[in-house]
Structure formats: C-alpha cells, structure tokens
C-alpha atoms as a PDB file:
ATOM      1  CA  UNK A   1    -134.290 -39.995 -30.271  1.00  0.00           C
ATOM      2  CA  UNK A   2    -132.316 -37.513 -28.124  1.00  0.00           C
ATOM      3  CA  UNK A   3    -129.697 -37.248 -30.876  1.00  0.00           C
ATOM      4  CA  UNK A   4    -132.342 -36.420 -33.482  1.00  0.00           C
ATOM      5  CA  UNK A   5    -133.893 -33.851 -31.177  1.00  0.00           C
ATOM      6  CA  UNK A   6    -130.515 -32.262 -30.573  1.00  0.00           C
ATOM      7  CA  UNK A   7    -129.865 -32.063 -34.325  1.00  0.00           C
ATOM      8  CA  UNK A   8    -133.263 -30.460 -34.928  1.00  0.00           C
ATOM      9  CA  UNK A   9    -132.625 -27.978 -32.128  1.00  0.00           C
ATOM     10  CA  UNK A  10    -129.267 -27.018 -33.597  1.00  0.00           C
ATOM     11  CA  UNK A  11    -130.819 -26.444 -37.025  1.00  0.00           C
ATOM     12  CA  UNK A  12    -133.369 -24.130 -35.418  1.00  0.00           C
ATOM     13  CA  UNK A  13    -130.813 -22.269 -33.331  1.00  0.00           C
ATOM     14  CA  UNK A  14    -128.099 -21.716 -35.953  1.00  0.00           C
ATOM     15  CA  UNK A  15    -129.781 -18.628 -37.486  1.00  0.00           C
ATOM     16  CA  UNK A  16    -130.246 -17.262 -33.965  1.00  0.00           C
ATOM     17  CA  UNK A  17    -126.544 -17.595 -33.276  1.00  0.00           C
ATOM     18  CA  UNK A  18    -125.605 -15.811 -36.484  1.00  0.00           C
ATOM     19  CA  UNK A  19    -128.093 -13.023 -35.775  1.00  0.00           C
ATOM     20  CA  UNK A  20    -126.779 -12.627 -32.264  1.00  0.00           C
ATOM     21  CA  UNK A  21    -123.245 -12.098 -33.475  1.00  0.00           C
ATOM     22  CA  UNK A  22    -121.786 -15.247 -32.004  1.00  0.00           C
ATOM     23  CA  UNK A  23    -118.754 -16.522 -33.849  1.00  0.00           C
ATOM     24  CA  UNK A  24    -119.406 -18.167 -37.191  1.00  0.00           C
ATOM     25  CA  UNK A  25    -116.172 -20.146 -36.951  1.00  0.00           C
ATOM     26  CA  UNK A  26    -114.973 -20.912 -33.440  1.00  0.00           C
ATOM     27  CA  UNK A  27    -111.626 -21.475 -31.831  1.00  0.00           C
ATOM     28  CA  UNK A  28    -111.143 -23.837 -28.909  1.00  0.00           C
ATOM     29  CA  UNK A  29    -109.072 -21.327 -26.933  1.00  0.00           C
ATOM     30  CA  UNK A  30    -111.214 -18.561 -25.414  1.00  0.00           C
ATOM     31  CA  UNK A  31    -108.367 -16.059 -25.149  1.00  0.00           C
ATOM     32  CA  UNK A  32    -106.895 -16.555 -28.600  1.00  0.00           C
ATOM     33  CA  UNK A  33    -106.808 -13.542 -30.897  1.00  0.00           C
ATOM     34  CA  UNK A  34    -104.493 -13.757 -33.849  1.00  0.00           C
ATOM     35  CA  UNK A  35    -102.623 -10.506 -34.383  1.00  0.00           C
ATOM     36  CA  UNK A  36    -102.848  -8.606 -37.632  1.00  0.00           C
ATOM     37  CA  UNK A  37     -99.760  -8.062 -39.705  1.00  0.00           C
ATOM     38  CA  UNK A  38     -97.434  -5.268 -38.621  1.00  0.00           C
ATOM     39  CA  UNK A  39     -99.402  -2.001 -38.930  1.00  0.00           C
ATOM     40  CA  UNK A  40     -96.944  -0.380 -41.318  1.00  0.00           C
ATOM     41  CA  UNK A  41     -99.554   1.137 -43.612  1.00  0.00           C
ATOM     42  CA  UNK A  42    -102.597   3.023 -42.395  1.00  0.00           C
ATOM     43  CA  UNK A  43    -105.836   1.075 -42.553  1.00  0.00           C
ATOM     44  CA  UNK A  44    -108.336   3.045 -44.593  1.00  0.00           C
ATOM     45  CA  UNK A  45    -110.678   0.266 -45.765  1.00  0.00           C
ATOM     46  CA  UNK A  46    -111.850  -2.585 -43.549  1.00  0.00           C
ATOM     47  CA  UNK A  47    -114.296  -5.459 -44.006  1.00  0.00           C
ATOM     48  CA  UNK A  48    -115.895  -6.566 -40.735  1.00  0.00           C
ATOM     49  CA  UNK A  49    -117.308 -10.067 -40.349  1.00  0.00           C
ATOM     50  CA  UNK A  50    -119.499  -9.902 -37.251  1.00  0.00           C
ATOM     51  CA  UNK A  51    -122.157  -7.505 -35.903  1.00  0.00           C
ATOM     52  CA  UNK A  52    -120.215  -6.905 -32.689  1.00  0.00           C
ATOM     53  CA  UNK A  53    -117.112  -5.867 -34.664  1.00  0.00           C
ATOM     54  CA  UNK A  54    -119.168  -3.346 -36.621  1.00  0.00           C
ATOM     55  CA  UNK A  55    -120.631  -1.974 -33.383  1.00  0.00           C
ATOM     56  CA  UNK A  56    -117.154  -1.565 -31.913  1.00  0.00           C
ATOM     57  CA  UNK A  57    -115.890   0.270 -34.993  1.00  0.00           C
ATOM     58  CA  UNK A  58    -118.797   2.701 -34.776  1.00  0.00           C
ATOM     59  CA  UNK A  59    -118.178   3.183 -31.035  1.00  0.00           C
ATOM     60  CA  UNK A  60    -114.517   3.941 -31.782  1.00  0.00           C
ATOM     61  CA  UNK A  61    -115.356   6.506 -34.470  1.00  0.00           C
ATOM     62  CA  UNK A  62    -113.942   4.350 -37.263  1.00  0.00           C
ATOM     63  CA  UNK A  63    -117.203   3.727 -39.115  1.00  0.00           C
ATOM     64  CA  UNK A  64    -116.114   5.717 -42.164  1.00  0.00           C
ATOM     65  CA  UNK A  65    -113.467   3.087 -42.878  1.00  0.00           C
ATOM     66  CA  UNK A  66    -115.926   0.153 -43.048  1.00  0.00           C
ATOM     67  CA  UNK A  67    -116.447  -0.856 -46.678  1.00  0.00           C
ATOM     68  CA  UNK A  68    -118.122  -4.255 -46.204  1.00  0.00           C
ATOM     69  CA  UNK A  69    -119.874  -6.356 -43.563  1.00  0.00           C
ATOM     70  CA  UNK A  70    -121.380  -9.796 -42.975  1.00  0.00           C
ATOM     71  CA  UNK A  71    -125.154 -10.389 -42.723  1.00  0.00           C
ATOM     72  CA  UNK A  72    -127.123  -9.194 -39.679  1.00  0.00           C
ATOM     73  CA  UNK A  73    -124.913  -6.150 -39.060  1.00  0.00           C
ATOM     74  CA  UNK A  74    -127.857  -3.908 -38.212  1.00  0.00           C
ATOM     75  CA  UNK A  75    -126.680  -1.672 -35.367  1.00  0.00           C
ATOM     76  CA  UNK A  76    -126.433   1.229 -35.476  1.00  0.00           C
ATOM     77  CA  UNK A  77    -128.922   1.758 -38.288  1.00  0.00           C
ATOM     78  CA  UNK A  78    -126.247   3.250 -40.540  1.00  0.00           C
ATOM     79  CA  UNK A  79    -124.632  -0.195 -40.733  1.00  0.00           C
ATOM     80  CA  UNK A  80    -127.587  -1.442 -42.780  1.00  0.00           C
ATOM     81  CA  UNK A  81    -126.397   0.663 -45.704  1.00  0.00           C
ATOM     82  CA  UNK A  82    -123.023  -1.091 -45.920  1.00  0.00           C
ATOM     83  CA  UNK A  83    -122.354  -3.733 -48.614  1.00  0.00           C
ATOM     84  CA  UNK A  84    -122.784  -7.344 -47.477  1.00  0.00           C
ATOM     85  CA  UNK A  85    -119.902  -9.595 -48.532  1.00  0.00           C
ATOM     86  CA  UNK A  86    -121.072 -13.036 -47.425  1.00  0.00           C
ATOM     87  CA  UNK A  87    -120.391 -14.872 -44.178  1.00  0.00           C
ATOM     88  CA  UNK A  88    -117.114 -16.094 -42.708  1.00  0.00           C
ATOM     89  CA  UNK A  89    -118.137 -19.601 -43.786  1.00  0.00           C
ATOM     90  CA  UNK A  90    -119.209 -18.529 -47.286  1.00  0.00           C
ATOM     91  CA  UNK A  91    -117.383 -15.296 -48.126  1.00  0.00           C
ATOM     92  CA  UNK A  92    -118.064 -13.576 -51.433  1.00  0.00           C
ATOM     93  CA  UNK A  93    -114.527 -13.368 -52.791  1.00  0.00           C
ATOM     94  CA  UNK A  94    -115.483 -11.287 -55.826  1.00  0.00           C
ATOM     95  CA  UNK A  95    -117.107  -8.614 -53.657  1.00  0.00           C
ATOM     96  CA  UNK A  96    -114.222  -8.660 -51.172  1.00  0.00           C
ATOM     97  CA  UNK A  97    -111.671  -7.982 -53.900  1.00  0.00           C
ATOM     98  CA  UNK A  98    -113.835  -5.311 -55.533  1.00  0.00           C
ATOM     99  CA  UNK A  99    -113.941  -3.380 -52.236  1.00  0.00           C
ATOM    100  CA  UNK A 100    -110.100  -3.318 -52.002  1.00  0.00           C
ATOM    101  CA  UNK A 101    -109.826  -3.698 -48.213  1.00  0.00           C
ATOM    102  CA  UNK A 102    -106.603  -3.028 -46.301  1.00  0.00           C
ATOM    103  CA  UNK A 103    -107.844  -5.217 -43.428  1.00  0.00           C
ATOM    104  CA  UNK A 104    -110.333  -8.036 -42.883  1.00  0.00           C
ATOM    105  CA  UNK A 105    -111.556  -8.640 -39.308  1.00  0.00           C
ATOM    106  CA  UNK A 106    -113.440 -11.782 -38.257  1.00  0.00           C
ATOM    107  CA  UNK A 107    -114.817 -13.398 -35.119  1.00  0.00           C
ATOM    108  CA  UNK A 108    -113.248 -16.753 -34.294  1.00  0.00           C
ATOM    109  CA  UNK A 109    -110.575 -18.253 -36.482  1.00  0.00           C
ATOM    110  CA  UNK A 110    -112.135 -17.362 -39.836  1.00  0.00           C
ATOM    111  CA  UNK A 111    -109.938 -19.865 -41.687  1.00  0.00           C
ATOM    112  CA  UNK A 112    -111.409 -19.202 -45.142  1.00  0.00           C
ATOM    113  CA  UNK A 113    -111.109 -15.456 -44.718  1.00  0.00           C
ATOM    114  CA  UNK A 114    -107.531 -15.744 -43.541  1.00  0.00           C
ATOM    115  CA  UNK A 115    -106.601 -17.833 -46.593  1.00  0.00           C
ATOM    116  CA  UNK A 116    -108.217 -15.285 -48.900  1.00  0.00           C
ATOM    117  CA  UNK A 117    -106.443 -12.430 -47.118  1.00  0.00           C
ATOM    118  CA  UNK A 118    -103.048 -14.120 -47.315  1.00  0.00           C
ATOM    119  CA  UNK A 119    -103.419 -14.930 -51.006  1.00  0.00           C
ATOM    120  CA  UNK A 120    -104.367 -11.332 -51.799  1.00  0.00           C
ATOM    121  CA  UNK A 121    -101.880  -9.635 -49.467  1.00  0.00           C
ATOM    122  CA  UNK A 122    -104.635  -8.232 -47.250  1.00  0.00           C
ATOM    123  CA  UNK A 123    -104.034  -7.906 -43.544  1.00  0.00           C
ATOM    124  CA  UNK A 124    -106.200 -10.124 -41.328  1.00  0.00           C
ATOM    125  CA  UNK A 125    -107.286  -9.974 -37.685  1.00  0.00           C
ATOM    126  CA  UNK A 126    -109.205 -12.698 -35.831  1.00  0.00           C
ATOM    127  CA  UNK A 127    -110.966 -11.731 -32.605  1.00  0.00           C
ATOM    128  CA  UNK A 128    -112.416 -14.097 -30.040  1.00  0.00           C
ATOM    129  CA  UNK A 129    -115.732 -13.242 -28.418  1.00  0.00           C
ATOM    130  CA  UNK A 130    -116.368 -15.933 -25.820  1.00  0.00           C
ATOM    131  CA  UNK A 131    -115.720 -14.193 -22.501  1.00  0.00           C
ATOM    132  CA  UNK A 132    -116.122 -10.714 -21.029  1.00  0.00           C
ATOM    133  CA  UNK A 133    -112.336 -10.452 -21.110  1.00  0.00           C
ATOM    134  CA  UNK A 134    -112.427 -11.074 -24.869  1.00  0.00           C
ATOM    135  CA  UNK A 135    -114.996  -8.298 -25.269  1.00  0.00           C
ATOM    136  CA  UNK A 136    -112.885  -5.835 -23.298  1.00  0.00           C
ATOM    137  CA  UNK A 137    -109.816  -6.692 -25.387  1.00  0.00           C
ATOM    138  CA  UNK A 138    -111.592  -6.290 -28.728  1.00  0.00           C
ATOM    139  CA  UNK A 139    -111.462  -2.473 -29.057  1.00  0.00           C
ATOM    140  CA  UNK A 140    -107.816  -2.429 -27.993  1.00  0.00           C
ATOM    141  CA  UNK A 141    -106.862  -5.064 -30.576  1.00  0.00           C
ATOM    142  CA  UNK A 142    -108.870  -3.293 -33.254  1.00  0.00           C
ATOM    143  CA  UNK A 143    -107.180   0.025 -32.486  1.00  0.00           C
ATOM    144  CA  UNK A 144    -103.760  -1.611 -32.672  1.00  0.00           C
ATOM    145  CA  UNK A 145    -104.620  -3.105 -36.063  1.00  0.00           C
ATOM    146  CA  UNK A 146    -105.605   0.342 -37.328  1.00  0.00           C
ATOM    147  CA  UNK A 147    -102.337   1.774 -36.058  1.00  0.00           C
ATOM    148  CA  UNK A 148    -104.200   4.026 -33.609  1.00  0.00           C
ATOM    149  CA  UNK A 149    -103.737   2.476 -30.116  1.00  0.00           C
ATOM    150  CA  UNK A 150    -105.503   5.339 -28.353  1.00  0.00           C
ATOM    151  CA  UNK A 151    -108.798   4.767 -30.165  1.00  0.00           C
ATOM    152  CA  UNK A 152    -109.659   1.598 -28.261  1.00  0.00           C
ATOM    153  CA  UNK A 153    -108.834   2.485 -24.670  1.00  0.00           C
ATOM    154  CA  UNK A 154    -111.756   4.888 -24.022  1.00  0.00           C
ATOM    155  CA  UNK A 155    -114.270   2.277 -25.168  1.00  0.00           C
ATOM    156  CA  UNK A 156    -112.650  -0.514 -23.125  1.00  0.00           C
ATOM    157  CA  UNK A 157    -112.410   1.744 -20.062  1.00  0.00           C
ATOM    158  CA  UNK A 158    -116.069   2.722 -20.320  1.00  0.00           C
ATOM    159  CA  UNK A 159    -117.154  -0.904 -20.566  1.00  0.00           C
ATOM    160  CA  UNK A 160    -115.062  -1.881 -17.536  1.00  0.00           C
ATOM    161  CA  UNK A 161    -116.444   1.001 -15.493  1.00  0.00           C
ATOM    162  CA  UNK A 162    -120.086   0.319 -16.356  1.00  0.00           C
ATOM    163  CA  UNK A 163    -119.789  -3.417 -15.701  1.00  0.00           C
ATOM    164  CA  UNK A 164    -118.117  -2.777 -12.353  1.00  0.00           C
ATOM    165  CA  UNK A 165    -120.893  -0.346 -11.385  1.00  0.00           C
ATOM    166  CA  UNK A 166    -123.478  -3.037 -12.117  1.00  0.00           C
ATOM    167  CA  UNK A 167    -121.518  -5.619 -10.124  1.00  0.00           C
ATOM    168  CA  UNK A 168    -121.358  -3.329  -7.103  1.00  0.00           C
ATOM    169  CA  UNK A 169    -125.032  -2.380  -7.374  1.00  0.00           C
ATOM    170  CA  UNK A 170    -126.183  -5.995  -7.097  1.00  0.00           C
ATOM    171  CA  UNK A 171    -123.396  -7.381  -4.913  1.00  0.00           C
ATOM    172  CA  UNK A 172    -125.490  -7.394  -1.758  1.00  0.00           C
ATOM    173  CA  UNK A 173    -128.633  -8.951  -3.224  1.00  0.00           C
ATOM    174  CA  UNK A 174    -129.596 -12.566  -2.483  1.00  0.00           C
ATOM    175  CA  UNK A 175    -128.183 -14.802  -5.219  1.00  0.00           C
ATOM    176  CA  UNK A 176    -130.691 -16.848  -7.176  1.00  0.00           C
ATOM    177  CA  UNK A 177    -129.991 -19.912  -9.299  1.00  0.00           C
ATOM    178  CA  UNK A 178    -130.502 -18.899 -12.930  1.00  0.00           C
ATOM    179  CA  UNK A 179    -131.018 -20.841 -16.150  1.00  0.00           C
ATOM    180  CA  UNK A 180    -130.309 -19.012 -19.390  1.00  0.00           C
ATOM    181  CA  UNK A 181    -132.267 -20.319 -22.370  1.00  0.00           C
ATOM    182  CA  UNK A 182    -131.694 -19.458 -26.028  1.00  0.00           C
ATOM    183  CA  UNK A 183    -134.500 -20.983 -28.049  1.00  0.00           C
ATOM    184  CA  UNK A 184    -138.055 -21.998 -27.314  1.00  0.00           C
ATOM    185  CA  UNK A 185    -137.969 -25.676 -26.394  1.00  0.00           C
ATOM    186  CA  UNK A 186    -137.580 -26.892 -22.830  1.00  0.00           C
ATOM    187  CA  UNK A 187    -136.770 -30.539 -23.631  1.00  0.00           C
ATOM    188  CA  UNK A 188    -133.375 -29.597 -25.099  1.00  0.00           C
ATOM    189  CA  UNK A 189    -132.055 -26.249 -23.912  1.00  0.00           C
ATOM    190  CA  UNK A 190    -129.323 -24.279 -25.640  1.00  0.00           C
ATOM    191  CA  UNK A 191    -127.633 -22.395 -22.821  1.00  0.00           C
ATOM    192  CA  UNK A 192    -124.378 -20.740 -21.673  1.00  0.00           C
ATOM    193  CA  UNK A 193    -121.619 -22.620 -19.873  1.00  0.00           C
ATOM    194  CA  UNK A 194    -118.165 -22.064 -18.443  1.00  0.00           C
ATOM    195  CA  UNK A 195    -116.263 -19.105 -19.832  1.00  0.00           C
ATOM    196  CA  UNK A 196    -119.097 -17.561 -21.852  1.00  0.00           C
ATOM    197  CA  UNK A 197    -119.823 -13.872 -21.483  1.00  0.00           C
ATOM    198  CA  UNK A 198    -123.499 -14.581 -20.723  1.00  0.00           C
ATOM    199  CA  UNK A 199    -122.570 -16.818 -17.790  1.00  0.00           C
ATOM    200  CA  UNK A 200    -120.274 -14.079 -16.535  1.00  0.00           C
ATOM    201  CA  UNK A 201    -123.020 -11.471 -16.897  1.00  0.00           C
ATOM    202  CA  UNK A 202    -125.359 -13.579 -14.748  1.00  0.00           C
ATOM    203  CA  UNK A 203    -122.719 -13.778 -12.007  1.00  0.00           C
ATOM    204  CA  UNK A 204    -121.935 -10.071 -12.303  1.00  0.00           C
ATOM    205  CA  UNK A 205    -125.661  -9.286 -12.060  1.00  0.00           C
ATOM    206  CA  UNK A 206    -125.985 -11.065  -8.730  1.00  0.00           C
ATOM    207  CA  UNK A 207    -127.166 -14.437  -9.983  1.00  0.00           C
ATOM    208  CA  UNK A 208    -125.698 -17.921 -10.075  1.00  0.00           C
ATOM    209  CA  UNK A 209    -125.866 -19.757 -13.394  1.00  0.00           C
ATOM    210  CA  UNK A 210    -126.848 -23.414 -12.995  1.00  0.00           C
ATOM    211  CA  UNK A 211    -124.826 -24.283 -16.115  1.00  0.00           C
ATOM    212  CA  UNK A 212    -121.649 -22.399 -15.157  1.00  0.00           C
ATOM    213  CA  UNK A 213    -119.805 -25.663 -14.516  1.00  0.00           C
ATOM    214  CA  UNK A 214    -120.438 -27.115 -17.983  1.00  0.00           C
ATOM    215  CA  UNK A 215    -117.201 -27.188 -19.972  1.00  0.00           C
ATOM    216  CA  UNK A 216    -118.548 -25.918 -23.294  1.00  0.00           C
ATOM    217  CA  UNK A 217    -119.282 -22.182 -23.434  1.00  0.00           C
ATOM    218  CA  UNK A 218    -122.512 -22.846 -25.391  1.00  0.00           C
ATOM    219  CA  UNK A 219    -123.821 -26.278 -24.287  1.00  0.00           C
ATOM    220  CA  UNK A 220    -127.036 -28.163 -24.987  1.00  0.00           C
ATOM    221  CA  UNK A 221    -128.741 -29.063 -21.708  1.00  0.00           C
ATOM    222  CA  UNK A 222    -131.377 -31.763 -21.249  1.00  0.00           C
ATOM    223  CA  UNK A 223    -134.661 -31.183 -19.445  1.00  0.00           C
ATOM    224  CA  UNK A 224    -133.584 -33.832 -16.933  1.00  0.00           C
ATOM    225  CA  UNK A 225    -130.577 -31.701 -15.996  1.00  0.00           C
ATOM    226  CA  UNK A 226    -132.785 -28.635 -15.583  1.00  0.00           C
ATOM    227  CA  UNK A 227    -135.223 -30.537 -13.364  1.00  0.00           C
ATOM    228  CA  UNK A 228    -132.387 -31.772 -11.146  1.00  0.00           C
ATOM    229  CA  UNK A 229    -130.716 -28.362 -10.833  1.00  0.00           C
ATOM    230  CA  UNK A 230    -134.004 -26.558 -10.101  1.00  0.00           C
ATOM    231  CA  UNK A 231    -133.414 -22.970 -11.252  1.00  0.00           C
ATOM    232  CA  UNK A 232    -135.109 -20.217  -9.265  1.00  0.00           C
ATOM    233  CA  UNK A 233    -135.115 -17.931 -12.318  1.00  0.00           C
ATOM    234  CA  UNK A 234    -135.386 -18.854 -16.004  1.00  0.00           C
ATOM    235  CA  UNK A 235    -134.367 -16.213 -18.536  1.00  0.00           C
ATOM    236  CA  UNK A 236    -135.436 -16.933 -22.110  1.00  0.00           C
ATOM    237  CA  UNK A 237    -133.319 -14.804 -24.455  1.00  0.00           C
ATOM    238  CA  UNK A 238    -134.394 -13.892 -27.973  1.00  0.00           C
ATOM    239  CA  UNK A 239    -132.217 -11.901 -30.386  1.00  0.00           C
ATOM    240  CA  UNK A 240    -135.081 -10.074 -32.075  1.00  0.00           C
ATOM    241  CA  UNK A 241    -135.427  -6.382 -31.251  1.00  0.00           C
ATOM    242  CA  UNK A 242    -139.180  -6.650 -31.765  1.00  0.00           C
ATOM    243  CA  UNK A 243    -140.760  -9.781 -30.335  1.00  0.00           C
ATOM    244  CA  UNK A 244    -144.427 -10.498 -31.124  1.00  0.00           C
ATOM    245  CA  UNK A 245    -146.553 -10.985 -28.024  1.00  0.00           C
ATOM    246  CA  UNK A 246    -147.757 -14.383 -29.228  1.00  0.00           C
ATOM    247  CA  UNK A 247    -144.150 -15.572 -29.523  1.00  0.00           C
ATOM    248  CA  UNK A 248    -143.386 -14.374 -25.997  1.00  0.00           C
ATOM    249  CA  UNK A 249    -146.503 -16.124 -24.689  1.00  0.00           C
ATOM    250  CA  UNK A 250    -145.412 -19.298 -26.473  1.00  0.00           C
ATOM    251  CA  UNK A 251    -142.060 -19.223 -24.679  1.00  0.00           C
ATOM    252  CA  UNK A 252    -143.804 -18.843 -21.321  1.00  0.00           C
ATOM    253  CA  UNK A 253    -146.297 -21.627 -22.109  1.00  0.00           C
ATOM    254  CA  UNK A 254    -143.423 -23.988 -22.921  1.00  0.00           C
ATOM    255  CA  UNK A 255    -142.051 -23.645 -19.386  1.00  0.00           C
ATOM    256  CA  UNK A 256    -145.436 -23.716 -17.640  1.00  0.00           C
ATOM    257  CA  UNK A 257    -145.531 -27.394 -18.595  1.00  0.00           C
ATOM    258  CA  UNK A 258    -142.969 -27.950 -15.812  1.00  0.00           C
ATOM    259  CA  UNK A 259    -144.686 -26.546 -12.680  1.00  0.00           C
ATOM    260  CA  UNK A 260    -142.352 -28.327 -10.236  1.00  0.00           C
ATOM    261  CA  UNK A 261    -139.482 -26.008 -11.171  1.00  0.00           C
ATOM    262  CA  UNK A 262    -139.100 -23.226  -8.570  1.00  0.00           C
ATOM    263  CA  UNK A 263    -138.834 -20.585 -11.320  1.00  0.00           C
ATOM    264  CA  UNK A 264    -142.164 -21.688 -12.824  1.00  0.00           C
ATOM    265  CA  UNK A 265    -143.894 -22.166  -9.460  1.00  0.00           C
ATOM    266  CA  UNK A 266    -142.862 -18.678  -8.280  1.00  0.00           C
ATOM    267  CA  UNK A 267    -143.544 -16.874 -11.562  1.00  0.00           C
ATOM    268  CA  UNK A 268    -139.905 -16.081 -12.323  1.00  0.00           C
ATOM    269  CA  UNK A 269    -139.739 -17.110 -15.967  1.00  0.00           C
ATOM    270  CA  UNK A 270    -138.785 -13.976 -17.913  1.00  0.00           C
ATOM    271  CA  UNK A 271    -138.561 -13.436 -21.655  1.00  0.00           C
ATOM    272  CA  UNK A 272    -135.890 -10.905 -22.626  1.00  0.00           C
ATOM    273  CA  UNK A 273    -135.361  -9.790 -26.201  1.00  0.00           C
ATOM    274  CA  UNK A 274    -132.965  -7.595 -28.141  1.00  0.00           C
ATOM    275  CA  UNK A 275    -129.931  -8.164 -30.355  1.00  0.00           C
ATOM    276  CA  UNK A 276    -127.656  -6.645 -27.687  1.00  0.00           C
ATOM    277  CA  UNK A 277    -128.378  -9.556 -25.331  1.00  0.00           C
ATOM    278  CA  UNK A 278    -126.318 -12.033 -27.326  1.00  0.00           C
ATOM    279  CA  UNK A 279    -123.735  -9.800 -28.961  1.00  0.00           C
ATOM    280  CA  UNK A 280    -120.284  -9.586 -27.461  1.00  0.00           C
ATOM    281  CA  UNK A 281    -119.950  -5.903 -28.256  1.00  0.00           C
ATOM    282  CA  UNK A 282    -120.108  -2.413 -26.741  1.00  0.00           C
ATOM    283  CA  UNK A 283    -123.728  -2.820 -25.599  1.00  0.00           C
ATOM    284  CA  UNK A 284    -122.694  -5.493 -23.082  1.00  0.00           C
ATOM    285  CA  UNK A 285    -123.529  -3.310 -20.028  1.00  0.00           C
ATOM    286  CA  UNK A 286    -127.063  -2.850 -21.364  1.00  0.00           C
ATOM    287  CA  UNK A 287    -127.444  -6.629 -21.459  1.00  0.00           C
ATOM    288  CA  UNK A 288    -126.060  -6.934 -17.925  1.00  0.00           C
ATOM    289  CA  UNK A 289    -128.536  -4.372 -16.578  1.00  0.00           C
ATOM    290  CA  UNK A 290    -131.525  -6.098 -18.168  1.00  0.00           C
ATOM    291  CA  UNK A 291    -130.413  -9.510 -16.900  1.00  0.00           C
ATOM    292  CA  UNK A 292    -129.899  -8.080 -13.387  1.00  0.00           C
ATOM    293  CA  UNK A 293    -133.353  -6.509 -13.279  1.00  0.00           C
ATOM    294  CA  UNK A 294    -134.917  -9.762 -14.477  1.00  0.00           C
ATOM    295  CA  UNK A 295    -133.090 -11.838 -11.866  1.00  0.00           C
ATOM    296  CA  UNK A 296    -134.088  -9.557  -9.021  1.00  0.00           C
ATOM    297  CA  UNK A 297    -137.689  -9.016  -9.966  1.00  0.00           C
ATOM    298  CA  UNK A 298    -137.844  -6.185 -12.523  1.00  0.00           C
ATOM    299  CA  UNK A 299    -137.925  -6.267 -16.344  1.00  0.00           C
END
C-alpha cells in the first residue's frame, strides 16, 4: 500500500519538479559539472535546457544568444517567446539542428543531449543544481563556456553577498524545527534532504530542517516520520506564481488533520508559492527571504 501511494505521489509531483526547474536527468554527485569543450570559437547560439539556466543567461546579459529552451522557461517574460525544443529526456532533434546552436547547456547529466551534441559536433555543458554551491558556480561555468569569464563573476558575487546578508540578519533568532513540503498530501511528503539548496536555505534563514539528515537531496518522507520529528514550522511550497485561494486552503486543511504537530497546534503552517522558490537560479535570495519571514512569523 505504501509503495502504491509513493508511486502515485511521484506521478503527481513530477510535473511540479519540471516546472520548478529541478534537474530532468540527475547525477549522483552534487558537485559534478562536466566542462564544455575548449572555448576556441565564440558562442553565439545556445540552447538552454532548464528554467534556471535561462534565468542566469538573462542575468548575465547573454539573452540575445539564446535560440532555444526547454518547457516551463517563463522568467523573465521575454523567455516565453523563445522556441521550445523538447525536454532533456525527450529532446526534439529536428528543432535542435534547425537552430544551429554552438552550445547546448543542460541541468544534470543530460545523457541524450550530450550524445546528440557529440554526434553533431556541438559543444555541451552539464550543470548541477543540487546545492547552493552549485548555484553559485553556475554563472561562472556558463561564462567560461561562452569564452567570457568576467560575465559570471558579478552575478555570483551578488548572490553570495545577498545570501550572507540574510544569514546575518537571522543569525540571532531562535531556531525552529522546519518541515519543507512540496505537494499537497501529508501521508507521503516530498521534501528536501541533505545537500539540497532548499535545506541550505532553511538553515541560512535561521531554521533547522527536520529532514536535513536524510541522504537523498529530494526524499519522500512518511507521515510517521513527521509525527516523530514534530516540526515547529511547516512550509508548503508550490511552484505556481498565482495560487488560487481554494488550493491554498486545501493545503492548510490537509495539515489540520494532524493537530498534535506543534506547527499545526501553534498555527505555523505556511503556504508559499512562486516559481523562484524551487529554482536553483539567480532568484535564490528572494526564496531565502520568503522562507526566513515564514519561519519567524511573517509571510
């Protein structure tokens, strides 16, 4: 029964993961980023597989070189006008070749994309997106691939500075035990574990994730585990930028069925929404600020 529930939960959550910009094909090593070929020729045309990659390219002023994207690349709004060339799992080879890219960039290993790139003599870069460290490295690696090392440093430096400011702001606050929830069901929770950027954001924001010790960065957690670990704050994250009030109320009602949890008893179940919350991109500080305010009593 638990196995069937877990499978159903995964089927429900897969579109959420893709929308949030999590990796479509994952690598087991959180700090692995395969280098692109030697940047001998200037990169003028790039296909970006991943919303966070697109956001970084816009932040770095390289948006004019993007000729194709994967689905759900919707920020900034200009990205919606770019051609969609399939996912990393199901790339549209015909469209890729028609766009004549110099470089293909993907999140995770992107095995299919790498094979296509190698066969066609197209340079390929795979970026990891698990941890905050991965996020900070992304603009630097992208700039190197474009042959313009200076383009990435300002973005990485800004991110580091803003995240450190948030850490210092909340460093003296009482730490509360926090459960992150992605999805609506309480009986089988999709959460963030060891090494994930969301777990790190909770810690940076002055909280203490109750799933930080779980080995997988994106684990499924049973209700029994939640009841034993007794979170003081529950943050339900939704990737939609506009969340209907009835959906939000449904999330809250799901957790009110468990009144013995300190977070429920004390009215500290918060619903946070926005694509930036689950994208490992340049809007990471915005996510950290919202999480911090929710942990410490403001939304």
